[in-house]
Amino acid sequence: MTRKLVFTPEAGADLRAGHRWYESQQRGLGQAFKLAVQVATAQAHRSPDRFRVAFGPFRRAPVRRFPFEILCTFDDEFVVIHTSQYPSKWRERLGIS
């Protein structure tokens, strides 16, 4: 069974902002960030249970080379991608102290 991959609106905004920021720092770095995120996202989509639990139902998939994490939740039908650069940001979003 293949699960459907879904990005939260916040995840999409985080990824676009990250791409813009890295590209503004150095030409091509935004593209490198985007590719690293795609690799981590594909791994989370393929087998989300391979990543360690961050808290509750959330699994944490690191993005290589960048201080960024993909958080995902999953069930039999969906893998939902949540992202953020800072743990405090996603903790705030999800109401976790």
PDB file of N, CA and C in Angstrom:
ATOM      1  N   MET A   1       0.843  -1.187   0.000  1.00  0.00           N
ATOM      2  CA  MET A   1       0.000   0.000   0.000  1.00  0.00           C
ATOM      3  C   MET A   1       0.889   1.253   0.000  1.00  0.00           C
ATOM      4  N   THR A   2       0.555   2.185  -0.846  1.00  0.00           N
ATOM      5  CA  THR A   2       1.283   3.443  -0.908  1.00  0.00           C
ATOM      6  C   THR A   2       0.481   4.527  -0.206  1.00  0.00           C
ATOM      7  N   ARG A   3       1.116   5.180   0.732  1.00  0.00           N
ATOM      8  CA  ARG A   3       0.470   6.278   1.439  1.00  0.00           C
ATOM      9  C   ARG A   3       0.569   7.552   0.608  1.00  0.00           C
ATOM     10  N   LYS A   4      -0.435   8.397   0.725  1.00  0.00           N
ATOM     11  CA  LYS A   4      -0.417   9.691   0.054  1.00  0.00           C
ATOM     12  C   LYS A   4       0.414  10.668   0.886  1.00  0.00           C
ATOM     13  N   LEU A   5       1.256  11.441   0.217  1.00  0.00           N
ATOM     14  CA  LEU A   5       2.095  12.434   0.878  1.00  0.00           C
ATOM     15  C   LEU A   5       1.363  13.774   0.893  1.00  0.00           C
ATOM     16  N   VAL A   6       1.269  14.370   2.080  1.00  0.00           N
ATOM     17  CA  VAL A   6       0.558  15.634   2.261  1.00  0.00           C
ATOM     18  C   VAL A   6       1.456  16.592   3.036  1.00  0.00           C
ATOM     19  N   PHE A   7       1.522  17.844   2.582  1.00  0.00           N
ATOM     20  CA  PHE A   7       2.260  18.893   3.281  1.00  0.00           C
ATOM     21  C   PHE A   7       1.270  19.827   3.950  1.00  0.00           C
ATOM     22  N   THR A   8       1.518  20.176   5.206  1.00  0.00           N
ATOM     23  CA  THR A   8       0.677  21.183   5.848  1.00  0.00           C
ATOM     24  C   THR A   8       0.984  22.533   5.197  1.00  0.00           C
ATOM     25  N   PRO A   9       0.050  23.485   5.261  1.00  0.00           N
ATOM     26  CA  PRO A   9       0.337  24.821   4.713  1.00  0.00           C
ATOM     27  C   PRO A   9       1.571  25.450   5.355  1.00  0.00           C
ATOM     28  N   GLU A  10       1.759  25.233   6.650  1.00  0.00           N
ATOM     29  CA  GLU A  10       2.930  25.770   7.347  1.00  0.00           C
ATOM     30  C   GLU A  10       4.215  25.156   6.812  1.00  0.00           C
ATOM     31  N   ALA A  11       4.179  23.869   6.498  1.00  0.00           N
ATOM     32  CA  ALA A  11       5.359  23.201   5.946  1.00  0.00           C
ATOM     33  C   ALA A  11       5.727  23.819   4.603  1.00  0.00           C
ATOM     34  N   GLY A  12       4.736  24.030   3.753  1.00  0.00           N
ATOM     35  CA  GLY A  12       5.003  24.649   2.460  1.00  0.00           C
ATOM     36  C   GLY A  12       5.613  26.032   2.617  1.00  0.00           C
ATOM     37  N   ALA A  13       5.076  26.813   3.537  1.00  0.00           N
ATOM     38  CA  ALA A  13       5.599  28.167   3.782  1.00  0.00           C
ATOM     39  C   ALA A  13       7.027  28.110   4.316  1.00  0.00           C
ATOM     40  N   ASP A  14       7.301  27.192   5.247  1.00  0.00           N
ATOM     41  CA  ASP A  14       8.660  27.039   5.790  1.00  0.00           C
ATOM     42  C   ASP A  14       9.656  26.688   4.693  1.00  0.00           C
ATOM     43  N   LEU A  15       9.267  25.781   3.815  1.00  0.00           N
ATOM     44  CA  LEU A  15      10.178  25.329   2.768  1.00  0.00           C
ATOM     45  C   LEU A  15      10.445  26.426   1.745  1.00  0.00           C
ATOM     46  N   ARG A  16       9.415  27.162   1.375  1.00  0.00           N
ATOM     47  CA  ARG A  16       9.617  28.276   0.440  1.00  0.00           C
ATOM     48  C   ARG A  16      10.513  29.354   1.064  1.00  0.00           C
ATOM     49  N   ALA A  17      10.254  29.665   2.331  1.00  0.00           N
ATOM     50  CA  ALA A  17      11.065  30.678   3.022  1.00  0.00           C
ATOM     51  C   ALA A  17      12.513  30.212   3.147  1.00  0.00           C
ATOM     52  N   GLY A  18      12.712  28.956   3.464  1.00  0.00           N
ATOM     53  CA  GLY A  18      14.068  28.411   3.572  1.00  0.00           C
ATOM     54  C   GLY A  18      14.798  28.480   2.244  1.00  0.00           C
ATOM     55  N   HIS A  19      14.121  28.119   1.184  1.00  0.00           N
ATOM     56  CA  HIS A  19      14.714  28.176  -0.153  1.00  0.00           C
ATOM     57  C   HIS A  19      15.135  29.601  -0.501  1.00  0.00           C
ATOM     58  N   ARG A  20      14.241  30.553  -0.274  1.00  0.00           N
ATOM     59  CA  ARG A  20      14.561  31.955  -0.570  1.00  0.00           C
ATOM     60  C   ARG A  20      15.752  32.440   0.261  1.00  0.00           C
ATOM     61  N   TRP A  21      15.734  32.112   1.553  1.00  0.00           N
ATOM     62  CA  TRP A  21      16.797  32.587   2.433  1.00  0.00           C
ATOM     63  C   TRP A  21      18.151  32.016   2.007  1.00  0.00           C
ATOM     64  N   TYR A  22      18.217  30.696   1.781  1.00  0.00           N
ATOM     65  CA  TYR A  22      19.489  30.089   1.399  1.00  0.00           C
ATOM     66  C   TYR A  22      19.962  30.612   0.048  1.00  0.00           C
ATOM     67  N   GLU A  23      19.050  30.829  -0.869  1.00  0.00           N
ATOM     68  CA  GLU A  23      19.437  31.356  -2.178  1.00  0.00           C
ATOM     69  C   GLU A  23      19.967  32.780  -2.051  1.00  0.00           C
ATOM     70  N   SER A  24      19.404  33.545  -1.106  1.00  0.00           N
ATOM     71  CA  SER A  24      19.881  34.922  -0.909  1.00  0.00           C
ATOM     72  C   SER A  24      21.278  34.946  -0.277  1.00  0.00           C
ATOM     73  N   GLN A  25      21.648  33.878   0.407  1.00  0.00           N
ATOM     74  CA  GLN A  25      22.967  33.805   1.030  1.00  0.00           C
ATOM     75  C   GLN A  25      24.042  33.449   0.018  1.00  0.00           C
ATOM     76  N   GLN A  26      23.681  32.559  -0.911  1.00  0.00           N
ATOM     77  CA  GLN A  26      24.643  32.123  -1.928  1.00  0.00           C
ATOM     78  C   GLN A  26      23.868  31.504  -3.085  1.00  0.00           C
ATOM     79  N   ARG A  27      24.142  31.973  -4.270  1.00  0.00           N
ATOM     80  CA  ARG A  27      23.468  31.446  -5.449  1.00  0.00           C
ATOM     81  C   ARG A  27      23.679  29.934  -5.536  1.00  0.00           C
ATOM     82  N   GLY A  28      22.595  29.203  -5.705  1.00  0.00           N
ATOM     83  CA  GLY A  28      22.650  27.747  -5.800  1.00  0.00           C
ATOM     84  C   GLY A  28      22.422  27.043  -4.477  1.00  0.00           C
ATOM     85  N   LEU A  29      22.596  27.744  -3.359  1.00  0.00           N
ATOM     86  CA  LEU A  29      22.412  27.119  -2.052  1.00  0.00           C
ATOM     87  C   LEU A  29      20.936  26.811  -1.802  1.00  0.00           C
ATOM     88  N   GLY A  30      20.059  27.659  -2.323  1.00  0.00           N
ATOM     89  CA  GLY A  30      18.623  27.397  -2.200  1.00  0.00           C
ATOM     90  C   GLY A  30      18.236  26.110  -2.910  1.00  0.00           C
ATOM     91  N   GLN A  31      18.819  25.882  -4.082  1.00  0.00           N
ATOM     92  CA  GLN A  31      18.544  24.642  -4.816  1.00  0.00           C
ATOM     93  C   GLN A  31      19.087  23.436  -4.065  1.00  0.00           C
ATOM     94  N   ALA A  32      20.269  23.580  -3.466  1.00  0.00           N
ATOM     95  CA  ALA A  32      20.841  22.483  -2.666  1.00  0.00           C
ATOM     96  C   ALA A  32      19.930  22.165  -1.482  1.00  0.00           C
ATOM     97  N   PHE A  33      19.394  23.210  -0.858  1.00  0.00           N
ATOM     98  CA  PHE A  33      18.450  23.027   0.247  1.00  0.00           C
ATOM     99  C   PHE A  33      17.213  22.273  -0.236  1.00  0.00           C
ATOM    100  N   LYS A  34      16.674  22.714  -1.359  1.00  0.00           N
ATOM    101  CA  LYS A  34      15.470  22.081  -1.908  1.00  0.00           C
ATOM    102  C   LYS A  34      15.709  20.596  -2.185  1.00  0.00           C
ATOM    103  N   LEU A  35      16.852  20.259  -2.761  1.00  0.00           N
ATOM    104  CA  LEU A  35      17.164  18.851  -3.048  1.00  0.00           C
ATOM    105  C   LEU A  35      17.326  18.040  -1.764  1.00  0.00           C
ATOM    106  N   ALA A  36      17.973  18.612  -0.758  1.00  0.00           N
ATOM    107  CA  ALA A  36      18.140  17.906   0.516  1.00  0.00           C
ATOM    108  C   ALA A  36      16.790  17.656   1.180  1.00  0.00           C
ATOM    109  N   VAL A  37      15.894  18.627   1.084  1.00  0.00           N
ATOM    110  CA  VAL A  37      14.546  18.465   1.632  1.00  0.00           C
ATOM    111  C   VAL A  37      13.799  17.378   0.865  1.00  0.00           C
ATOM    112  N   GLN A  38      13.946  17.354  -0.459  1.00  0.00           N
ATOM    113  CA  GLN A  38      13.280  16.324  -1.260  1.00  0.00           C
ATOM    114  C   GLN A  38      13.742  14.927  -0.875  1.00  0.00           C
ATOM    115  N   VAL A  39      15.038  14.772  -0.618  1.00  0.00           N
ATOM    116  CA  VAL A  39      15.568  13.465  -0.201  1.00  0.00           C
ATOM    117  C   VAL A  39      14.967  13.062   1.144  1.00  0.00           C
ATOM    118  N   ALA A  40      14.988  13.969   2.116  1.00  0.00           N
ATOM    119  CA  ALA A  40      14.443  13.651   3.443  1.00  0.00           C
ATOM    120  C   ALA A  40      12.944  13.372   3.371  1.00  0.00           C
ATOM    121  N   THR A  41      12.242  14.142   2.562  1.00  0.00           N
ATOM    122  CA  THR A  41      10.800  13.950   2.413  1.00  0.00           C
ATOM    123  C   THR A  41      10.502  12.596   1.764  1.00  0.00           C
ATOM    124  N   ALA A  42      11.268  12.240   0.746  1.00  0.00           N
ATOM    125  CA  ALA A  42      11.071  10.944   0.084  1.00  0.00           C
ATOM    126  C   ALA A  42      11.322   9.795   1.057  1.00  0.00           C
ATOM    127  N   GLN A  43      12.347   9.932   1.893  1.00  0.00           N
ATOM    128  CA  GLN A  43      12.626   8.894   2.887  1.00  0.00           C
ATOM    129  C   GLN A  43      11.481   8.784   3.892  1.00  0.00           C
ATOM    130  N   ALA A  44      10.975   9.929   4.332  1.00  0.00           N
ATOM    131  CA  ALA A  44       9.857   9.927   5.277  1.00  0.00           C
ATOM    132  C   ALA A  44       8.609   9.342   4.624  1.00  0.00           C
ATOM    133  N   HIS A  45       8.407   9.629   3.362  1.00  0.00           N
ATOM    134  CA  HIS A  45       7.243   9.098   2.649  1.00  0.00           C
ATOM    135  C   HIS A  45       7.350   7.576   2.499  1.00  0.00           C
ATOM    136  N   ARG A  46       8.534   7.114   2.125  1.00  0.00           N
ATOM    137  CA  ARG A  46       8.751   5.688   1.896  1.00  0.00           C
ATOM    138  C   ARG A  46       8.620   4.860   3.170  1.00  0.00           C
ATOM    139  N   SER A  47       9.243   5.318   4.245  1.00  0.00           N
ATOM    140  CA  SER A  47       9.189   4.537   5.490  1.00  0.00           C
ATOM    141  C   SER A  47       9.306   5.457   6.702  1.00  0.00           C
ATOM    142  N   PRO A  48       8.208   6.116   7.056  1.00  0.00           N
ATOM    143  CA  PRO A  48       8.248   7.079   8.155  1.00  0.00           C
ATOM    144  C   PRO A  48       8.592   6.465   9.506  1.00  0.00           C
ATOM    145  N   ASP A  49       8.301   5.195   9.669  1.00  0.00           N
ATOM    146  CA  ASP A  49       8.562   4.553  10.960  1.00  0.00           C
ATOM    147  C   ASP A  49      10.048   4.310  11.210  1.00  0.00           C
ATOM    148  N   ARG A  50      10.896   4.537  10.215  1.00  0.00           N
ATOM    149  CA  ARG A  50      12.343   4.354  10.416  1.00  0.00           C
ATOM    150  C   ARG A  50      12.971   5.489  11.210  1.00  0.00           C
ATOM    151  N   PHE A  51      12.277   6.615  11.314  1.00  0.00           N
ATOM    152  CA  PHE A  51      12.809   7.765  12.037  1.00  0.00           C
ATOM    153  C   PHE A  51      12.370   7.736  13.489  1.00  0.00           C
ATOM    154  N   ARG A  52      13.226   8.310  14.318  1.00  0.00           N
ATOM    155  CA  ARG A  52      12.925   8.251  15.752  1.00  0.00           C
ATOM    156  C   ARG A  52      11.787   9.207  16.107  1.00  0.00           C
ATOM    157  N   VAL A  53      11.107   8.854  17.173  1.00  0.00           N
ATOM    158  CA  VAL A  53       9.980   9.648  17.652  1.00  0.00           C
ATOM    159  C   VAL A  53      10.513  10.938  18.272  1.00  0.00           C
ATOM    160  N   ALA A  54       9.942  12.048  17.850  1.00  0.00           N
ATOM    161  CA  ALA A  54      10.287  13.352  18.433  1.00  0.00           C
ATOM    162  C   ALA A  54       9.452  13.556  19.686  1.00  0.00           C
ATOM    163  N   PHE A  55       8.163  13.311  19.575  1.00  0.00           N
ATOM    164  CA  PHE A  55       7.206  13.360  20.671  1.00  0.00           C
ATOM    165  C   PHE A  55       5.871  12.909  20.115  1.00  0.00           C
ATOM    166  N   GLY A  56       5.042  12.344  20.974  1.00  0.00           N
ATOM    167  CA  GLY A  56       3.724  11.876  20.537  1.00  0.00           C
ATOM    168  C   GLY A  56       3.817  11.092  19.237  1.00  0.00           C
ATOM    169  N   PRO A  57       2.969  11.433  18.275  1.00  0.00           N
ATOM    170  CA  PRO A  57       2.974  10.696  16.996  1.00  0.00           C
ATOM    171  C   PRO A  57       3.988  11.232  15.985  1.00  0.00           C
ATOM    172  N   PHE A  58       4.765  12.238  16.351  1.00  0.00           N
ATOM    173  CA  PHE A  58       5.662  12.896  15.403  1.00  0.00           C
ATOM    174  C   PHE A  58       7.019  12.214  15.325  1.00  0.00           C
ATOM    175  N   ARG A  59       7.436  11.948  14.090  1.00  0.00           N
ATOM    176  CA  ARG A  59       8.763  11.400  13.820  1.00  0.00           C
ATOM    177  C   ARG A  59       9.630  12.524  13.258  1.00  0.00           C
ATOM    178  N   ARG A  60      10.918  12.452  13.516  1.00  0.00           N
ATOM    179  CA  ARG A  60      11.859  13.509  13.137  1.00  0.00           C
ATOM    180  C   ARG A  60      12.831  12.991  12.081  1.00  0.00           C
ATOM    181  N   ALA A  61      12.802  13.620  10.885  1.00  0.00           N
ATOM    182  CA  ALA A  61      13.723  13.270   9.799  1.00  0.00           C
ATOM    183  C   ALA A  61      14.633  14.465   9.542  1.00  0.00           C
ATOM    184  N   PRO A  62      15.913  14.342   9.824  1.00  0.00           N
ATOM    185  CA  PRO A  62      16.821  15.474   9.601  1.00  0.00           C
ATOM    186  C   PRO A  62      17.049  15.718   8.115  1.00  0.00           C
ATOM    187  N   VAL A  63      17.317  16.974   7.785  1.00  0.00           N
ATOM    188  CA  VAL A  63      17.669  17.362   6.418  1.00  0.00           C
ATOM    189  C   VAL A  63      19.185  17.517   6.400  1.00  0.00           C
ATOM    190  N   ARG A  64      19.843  16.703   5.594  1.00  0.00           N
ATOM    191  CA  ARG A  64      21.314  16.739   5.538  1.00  0.00           C
ATOM    192  C   ARG A  64      21.833  18.101   5.129  1.00  0.00           C
ATOM    193  N   ARG A  65      22.906  18.510   5.778  1.00  0.00           N
ATOM    194  CA  ARG A  65      23.640  19.744   5.483  1.00  0.00           C
ATOM    195  C   ARG A  65      22.973  21.006   6.001  1.00  0.00           C
ATOM    196  N   PHE A  66      21.746  20.935   6.436  1.00  0.00           N
ATOM    197  CA  PHE A  66      21.022  22.142   6.825  1.00  0.00           C
ATOM    198  C   PHE A  66      20.399  21.962   8.209  1.00  0.00           C
ATOM    199  N   PRO A  67      20.331  23.049   8.981  1.00  0.00           N
ATOM    200  CA  PRO A  67      19.705  22.971  10.313  1.00  0.00           C
ATOM    201  C   PRO A  67      18.183  23.011  10.177  1.00  0.00           C
ATOM    202  N   PHE A  68      17.649  21.935   9.666  1.00  0.00           N
ATOM    203  CA  PHE A  68      16.232  21.874   9.342  1.00  0.00           C
ATOM    204  C   PHE A  68      15.766  20.457   9.621  1.00  0.00           C
ATOM    205  N   GLU A  69      14.548  20.304  10.078  1.00  0.00           N
ATOM    206  CA  GLU A  69      13.989  18.978  10.321  1.00  0.00           C
ATOM    207  C   GLU A  69      12.633  18.853   9.669  1.00  0.00           C
ATOM    208  N   ILE A  70      12.366  17.666   9.222  1.00  0.00           N
ATOM    209  CA  ILE A  70      11.031  17.344   8.747  1.00  0.00           C
ATOM    210  C   ILE A  70      10.389  16.513   9.842  1.00  0.00           C
ATOM    211  N   LEU A  71       9.265  16.966  10.293  1.00  0.00           N
ATOM    212  CA  LEU A  71       8.467  16.173  11.225  1.00  0.00           C
ATOM    213  C   LEU A  71       7.349  15.551  10.407  1.00  0.00           C
ATOM    214  N   CYS A  72       7.047  14.312  10.686  1.00  0.00           N
ATOM    215  CA  CYS A  72       5.948  13.687   9.967  1.00  0.00           C
ATOM    216  C   CYS A  72       5.093  12.877  10.917  1.00  0.00           C
ATOM    217  N   THR A  73       3.853  12.776  10.545  1.00  0.00           N
ATOM    218  CA  THR A  73       2.915  11.864  11.190  1.00  0.00           C
ATOM    219  C   THR A  73       2.400  10.960  10.079  1.00  0.00           C
ATOM    220  N   PHE A  74       1.937   9.798  10.441  1.00  0.00           N
ATOM    221  CA  PHE A  74       1.457   8.885   9.405  1.00  0.00           C
ATOM    222  C   PHE A  74       0.432   7.909   9.958  1.00  0.00           C
ATOM    223  N   ASP A  75      -0.363   7.407   9.024  1.00  0.00           N
ATOM    224  CA  ASP A  75      -1.293   6.322   9.308  1.00  0.00           C
ATOM    225  C   ASP A  75      -1.308   5.427   8.073  1.00  0.00           C
ATOM    226  N   ASP A  76      -2.312   4.593   7.932  1.00  0.00           N
ATOM    227  CA  ASP A  76      -2.341   3.672   6.793  1.00  0.00           C
ATOM    228  C   ASP A  76      -2.531   4.378   5.455  1.00  0.00           C
ATOM    229  N   GLU A  77      -3.106   5.582   5.461  1.00  0.00           N
ATOM    230  CA  GLU A  77      -3.401   6.280   4.217  1.00  0.00           C
ATOM    231  C   GLU A  77      -2.476   7.441   3.883  1.00  0.00           C
ATOM    232  N   PHE A  78      -1.992   8.139   4.901  1.00  0.00           N
ATOM    233  CA  PHE A  78      -1.272   9.387   4.673  1.00  0.00           C
ATOM    234  C   PHE A  78       0.047   9.473   5.445  1.00  0.00           C
ATOM    235  N   VAL A  79       0.987  10.198   4.856  1.00  0.00           N
ATOM    236  CA  VAL A  79       2.164  10.692   5.563  1.00  0.00           C
ATOM    237  C   VAL A  79       2.024  12.205   5.481  1.00  0.00           C
ATOM    238  N   VAL A  80       1.920  12.848   6.633  1.00  0.00           N
ATOM    239  CA  VAL A  80       1.748  14.297   6.681  1.00  0.00           C
ATOM    240  C   VAL A  80       3.080  14.927   7.090  1.00  0.00           C
ATOM    241  N   ILE A  81       3.538  15.866   6.266  1.00  0.00           N
ATOM    242  CA  ILE A  81       4.820  16.528   6.491  1.00  0.00           C
ATOM    243  C   ILE A  81       4.608  17.859   7.200  1.00  0.00           C
ATOM    244  N   HIS A  82       5.340  18.021   8.298  1.00  0.00           N
ATOM    245  CA  HIS A  82       5.387  19.257   9.080  1.00  0.00           C
ATOM    246  C   HIS A  82       6.870  19.614   9.125  1.00  0.00           C
ATOM    247  N   THR A  83       7.235  20.855   8.952  1.00  0.00           N
ATOM    248  CA  THR A  83       8.654  21.205   8.976  1.00  0.00           C
ATOM    249  C   THR A  83       8.904  22.455   9.794  1.00  0.00           C
ATOM    250  N   SER A  84      10.133  22.608  10.182  1.00  0.00           N
ATOM    251  CA  SER A  84      10.559  23.848  10.795  1.00  0.00           C
ATOM    252  C   SER A  84      12.056  23.821  10.996  1.00  0.00           C
ATOM    253  N   GLN A  85      12.639  24.994  11.001  1.00  0.00           N
ATOM    254  CA  GLN A  85      14.063  25.089  11.265  1.00  0.00           C
ATOM    255  C   GLN A  85      14.347  24.950  12.754  1.00  0.00           C
ATOM    256  N   TYR A  86      13.479  25.487  13.565  1.00  0.00           N
ATOM    257  CA  TYR A  86      13.730  25.515  15.001  1.00  0.00           C
ATOM    258  C   TYR A  86      12.716  24.669  15.753  1.00  0.00           C
ATOM    259  N   PRO A  87      13.192  23.765  16.630  1.00  0.00           N
ATOM    260  CA  PRO A  87      12.253  22.968  17.425  1.00  0.00           C
ATOM    261  C   PRO A  87      11.266  23.830  18.202  1.00  0.00           C
ATOM    262  N   SER A  88      11.714  24.988  18.692  1.00  0.00           N
ATOM    263  CA  SER A  88      10.796  25.837  19.458  1.00  0.00           C
ATOM    264  C   SER A  88       9.636  26.309  18.596  1.00  0.00           C
ATOM    265  N   LYS A  89       9.865  26.479  17.299  1.00  0.00           N
ATOM    266  CA  LYS A  89       8.806  26.928  16.392  1.00  0.00           C
ATOM    267  C   LYS A  89       7.737  25.852  16.220  1.00  0.00           C
ATOM    268  N   TRP A  90       8.158  24.606  15.971  1.00  0.00           N
ATOM    269  CA  TRP A  90       7.142  23.577  15.812  1.00  0.00           C
ATOM    270  C   TRP A  90       6.489  23.212  17.130  1.00  0.00           C
ATOM    271  N   ARG A  91       7.218  23.317  18.215  1.00  0.00           N
ATOM    272  CA  ARG A  91       6.593  23.078  19.519  1.00  0.00           C
ATOM    273  C   ARG A  91       5.496  24.111  19.782  1.00  0.00           C
ATOM    274  N   GLU A  92       5.775  25.364  19.443  1.00  0.00           N
ATOM    275  CA  GLU A  92       4.774  26.422  19.605  1.00  0.00           C
ATOM    276  C   GLU A  92       3.560  26.179  18.717  1.00  0.00           C
ATOM    277  N   ARG A  93       3.803  25.826  17.460  1.00  0.00           N
ATOM    278  CA  ARG A  93       2.710  25.547  16.517  1.00  0.00           C
ATOM    279  C   ARG A  93       1.800  24.433  17.009  1.00  0.00           C
ATOM    280  N   LEU A  94       2.420  23.420  17.594  1.00  0.00           N
ATOM    281  CA  LEU A  94       1.656  22.254  18.013  1.00  0.00           C
ATOM    282  C   LEU A  94       1.204  22.311  19.465  1.00  0.00           C
ATOM    283  N   GLY A  95       1.494  23.422  20.137  1.00  0.00           N
ATOM    284  CA  GLY A  95       1.035  23.604  21.509  1.00  0.00           C
ATOM    285  C   GLY A  95       1.745  22.722  22.516  1.00  0.00           C
ATOM    286  N   ILE A  96       3.038  22.468  22.277  1.00  0.00           N
ATOM    287  CA  ILE A  96       3.823  21.630  23.179  1.00  0.00           C
ATOM    288  C   ILE A  96       4.821  22.512  23.922  1.00  0.00           C
ATOM    289  N   SER A  97       4.904  22.345  25.234  1.00  0.00           N
ATOM    290  CA  SER A  97       5.836  23.161  26.020  1.00  0.00           C
ATOM    291  C   SER A  97       7.235  22.643  25.938  1.00  0.00           C
TER     292      SER A  97
END
